[in-house]
């Protein structure tokens, strides 16, 4: 079970990086400000999910003891 959450955490972190880069590229190209805002909001949500998953993995595996 812990390995499932571990890999889910990696996927969540990869999604954060993808959305961050996508938003930065949109801003550098002078794209829609609305799209950049939505991407950054999505990034914050994904970061929250990733942090929760990291805490769950640490709790399940007894990390930090």
N, C-alpha and C. Protein backbone atom coordinates (compact mmCIF):
# COMPACT_ATOMS: atom_id res chain seq x y z
N UNK A 1 0.82 -1.20 0.00
CA UNK A 1 0.00 0.00 0.00
C UNK A 1 0.86 1.26 0.00
N UNK A 2 1.96 1.20 0.73
CA UNK A 2 2.84 2.36 0.80
C UNK A 2 3.45 2.66 -0.56
N UNK A 3 3.77 1.61 -1.32
CA UNK A 3 4.38 1.85 -2.63
C UNK A 3 3.39 2.50 -3.58
N UNK A 4 2.10 2.18 -3.43
CA UNK A 4 1.08 2.82 -4.26
C UNK A 4 1.07 4.33 -4.01
N UNK A 5 1.06 4.72 -2.72
CA UNK A 5 1.05 6.15 -2.39
C UNK A 5 2.37 6.80 -2.79
N UNK A 6 3.46 6.06 -2.71
CA UNK A 6 4.77 6.59 -3.12
C UNK A 6 4.74 6.96 -4.60
N UNK A 7 4.27 6.06 -5.43
CA UNK A 7 4.22 6.34 -6.87
C UNK A 7 3.17 7.39 -7.20
N UNK A 8 2.08 7.41 -6.46
CA UNK A 8 1.07 8.45 -6.65
C UNK A 8 1.65 9.82 -6.31
N UNK A 9 2.50 9.86 -5.29
CA UNK A 9 3.17 11.10 -4.93
C UNK A 9 4.10 11.57 -6.04
N UNK A 10 4.83 10.64 -6.63
CA UNK A 10 5.72 11.00 -7.75
C UNK A 10 4.91 11.56 -8.93
N UNK A 11 3.78 10.95 -9.21
CA UNK A 11 2.92 11.44 -10.30
C UNK A 11 2.41 12.84 -9.99
N UNK A 12 2.01 13.07 -8.75
CA UNK A 12 1.52 14.40 -8.35
C UNK A 12 2.62 15.45 -8.48
N UNK A 13 3.84 15.10 -8.07
CA UNK A 13 4.95 16.05 -8.19
C UNK A 13 5.29 16.33 -9.65
N UNK A 14 5.22 15.30 -10.49
CA UNK A 14 5.47 15.50 -11.92
C UNK A 14 4.39 16.41 -12.52
N UNK A 15 3.16 16.24 -12.07
CA UNK A 15 2.07 17.08 -12.57
C UNK A 15 2.29 18.54 -12.17
N UNK A 16 2.80 18.76 -10.96
CA UNK A 16 3.09 20.13 -10.52
C UNK A 16 4.15 20.75 -11.43
N UNK A 17 5.21 20.01 -11.71
CA UNK A 17 6.28 20.52 -12.57
C UNK A 17 5.74 20.82 -13.96
N UNK A 18 4.92 19.91 -14.50
CA UNK A 18 4.37 20.10 -15.84
C UNK A 18 3.52 21.36 -15.91
N UNK A 19 2.64 21.55 -14.94
CA UNK A 19 1.75 22.72 -14.96
C UNK A 19 2.56 24.00 -14.75
N UNK A 20 3.57 23.94 -13.89
CA UNK A 20 4.43 25.11 -13.67
C UNK A 20 5.13 25.52 -14.95
N UNK A 21 5.74 24.56 -15.63
CA UNK A 21 6.45 24.87 -16.87
C UNK A 21 5.49 25.37 -17.94
N UNK A 22 4.33 24.74 -18.02
CA UNK A 22 3.33 25.16 -19.00
C UNK A 22 2.91 26.62 -18.75
N UNK A 23 2.70 26.97 -17.49
CA UNK A 23 2.32 28.34 -17.14
C UNK A 23 3.43 29.34 -17.43
N UNK A 24 4.67 28.95 -17.14
CA UNK A 24 5.79 29.85 -17.41
C UNK A 24 5.97 30.07 -18.91
N UNK A 25 5.83 29.01 -19.69
CA UNK A 25 5.94 29.15 -21.14
C UNK A 25 4.85 30.08 -21.67
N UNK A 26 3.64 29.91 -21.15
CA UNK A 26 2.53 30.77 -21.59
C UNK A 26 2.82 32.24 -21.27
N UNK A 27 3.38 32.51 -20.09
CA UNK A 27 3.69 33.90 -19.72
C UNK A 27 4.83 34.45 -20.57
N UNK A 28 5.86 33.63 -20.86
CA UNK A 28 6.99 34.11 -21.65
C UNK A 28 6.58 34.42 -23.09
N UNK A 29 5.64 33.67 -23.61
CA UNK A 29 5.18 33.90 -24.99
C UNK A 29 4.16 35.03 -25.08
N UNK A 30 3.78 35.58 -23.95
CA UNK A 30 2.80 36.65 -23.95
C UNK A 30 1.39 36.14 -24.18
N UNK A 31 1.13 34.94 -23.72
CA UNK A 31 -0.18 34.33 -23.91
C UNK A 31 -1.23 34.96 -23.02
N UNK A 32 -2.37 34.34 -23.00
CA UNK A 32 -3.51 34.83 -22.24
C UNK A 32 -3.19 34.89 -20.75
N UNK A 33 -3.47 36.04 -20.16
CA UNK A 33 -3.28 36.18 -18.73
C UNK A 33 -4.25 35.31 -17.95
N UNK A 34 -5.43 35.13 -18.51
CA UNK A 34 -6.43 34.30 -17.86
C UNK A 34 -5.96 32.85 -17.79
N UNK A 35 -5.36 32.35 -18.87
CA UNK A 35 -4.85 30.98 -18.88
C UNK A 35 -3.71 30.83 -17.87
N UNK A 36 -2.82 31.81 -17.82
CA UNK A 36 -1.72 31.76 -16.86
C UNK A 36 -2.25 31.71 -15.44
N UNK A 37 -3.27 32.51 -15.16
CA UNK A 37 -3.87 32.52 -13.83
C UNK A 37 -4.48 31.17 -13.49
N UNK A 38 -5.20 30.58 -14.42
CA UNK A 38 -5.82 29.27 -14.18
C UNK A 38 -4.75 28.19 -13.98
N UNK A 39 -3.68 28.25 -14.75
CA UNK A 39 -2.60 27.28 -14.59
C UNK A 39 -1.93 27.41 -13.23
N UNK A 40 -1.73 28.64 -12.77
CA UNK A 40 -1.10 28.83 -11.47
C UNK A 40 -2.03 28.39 -10.34
N UNK A 41 -3.34 28.59 -10.51
CA UNK A 41 -4.29 28.08 -9.51
C UNK A 41 -4.25 26.56 -9.48
N UNK A 42 -4.17 25.93 -10.65
CA UNK A 42 -4.08 24.48 -10.72
C UNK A 42 -2.79 23.99 -10.08
N UNK A 43 -1.71 24.74 -10.27
CA UNK A 43 -0.42 24.38 -9.66
C UNK A 43 -0.52 24.37 -8.14
N UNK A 44 -1.16 25.38 -7.59
CA UNK A 44 -1.31 25.45 -6.13
C UNK A 44 -2.12 24.26 -5.62
N UNK A 45 -3.19 23.92 -6.32
CA UNK A 45 -4.00 22.76 -5.93
C UNK A 45 -3.19 21.48 -6.00
N UNK A 46 -2.43 21.30 -7.08
CA UNK A 46 -1.61 20.10 -7.22
C UNK A 46 -0.52 20.04 -6.15
N UNK A 47 0.03 21.19 -5.79
CA UNK A 47 1.03 21.21 -4.73
C UNK A 47 0.42 20.78 -3.40
N UNK A 48 -0.79 21.23 -3.12
CA UNK A 48 -1.47 20.82 -1.89
C UNK A 48 -1.66 19.31 -1.88
N UNK A 49 -2.12 18.76 -3.00
CA UNK A 49 -2.33 17.31 -3.09
C UNK A 49 -1.02 16.57 -2.91
N UNK A 50 0.06 17.07 -3.52
CA UNK A 50 1.37 16.42 -3.39
C UNK A 50 1.85 16.44 -1.95
N UNK A 51 1.68 17.54 -1.25
CA UNK A 51 2.12 17.63 0.15
C UNK A 51 1.31 16.67 1.01
N UNK A 52 0.00 16.59 0.79
CA UNK A 52 -0.84 15.65 1.55
C UNK A 52 -0.38 14.22 1.30
N UNK A 53 -0.08 13.89 0.05
CA UNK A 53 0.38 12.54 -0.26
C UNK A 53 1.73 12.24 0.39
N UNK A 54 2.62 13.22 0.41
CA UNK A 54 3.91 13.03 1.07
C UNK A 54 3.71 12.74 2.55
N UNK A 55 2.82 13.49 3.19
CA UNK A 55 2.54 13.26 4.61
C UNK A 55 1.95 11.87 4.82
N UNK A 56 1.06 11.44 3.92
CA UNK A 56 0.46 10.10 4.03
C UNK A 56 1.53 9.02 3.90
N UNK A 57 2.43 9.18 2.94
CA UNK A 57 3.50 8.19 2.75
C UNK A 57 4.38 8.13 3.99
N UNK A 58 4.74 9.29 4.54
CA UNK A 58 5.56 9.31 5.75
C UNK A 58 4.84 8.68 6.93
N UNK A 59 3.54 8.90 7.02
CA UNK A 59 2.75 8.34 8.12
C UNK A 59 2.67 6.82 7.99
N UNK A 60 2.43 6.33 6.77
CA UNK A 60 2.29 4.89 6.56
C UNK A 60 3.62 4.16 6.78
N UNK A 61 4.70 4.75 6.30
CA UNK A 61 5.99 4.07 6.40
C UNK A 61 6.70 4.32 7.72
N UNK A 62 6.14 5.20 8.53
CA UNK A 62 6.78 5.51 9.80
C UNK A 62 8.02 6.35 9.63
N UNK A 63 8.07 7.10 8.53
CA UNK A 63 9.22 7.95 8.26
C UNK A 63 9.35 9.05 9.30
N UNK A 64 10.56 9.41 9.57
CA UNK A 64 10.82 10.45 10.53
C UNK A 64 10.97 9.95 11.96
N UNK A 65 10.86 8.65 12.16
CA UNK A 65 11.03 8.10 13.52
C UNK A 65 12.45 7.63 13.71
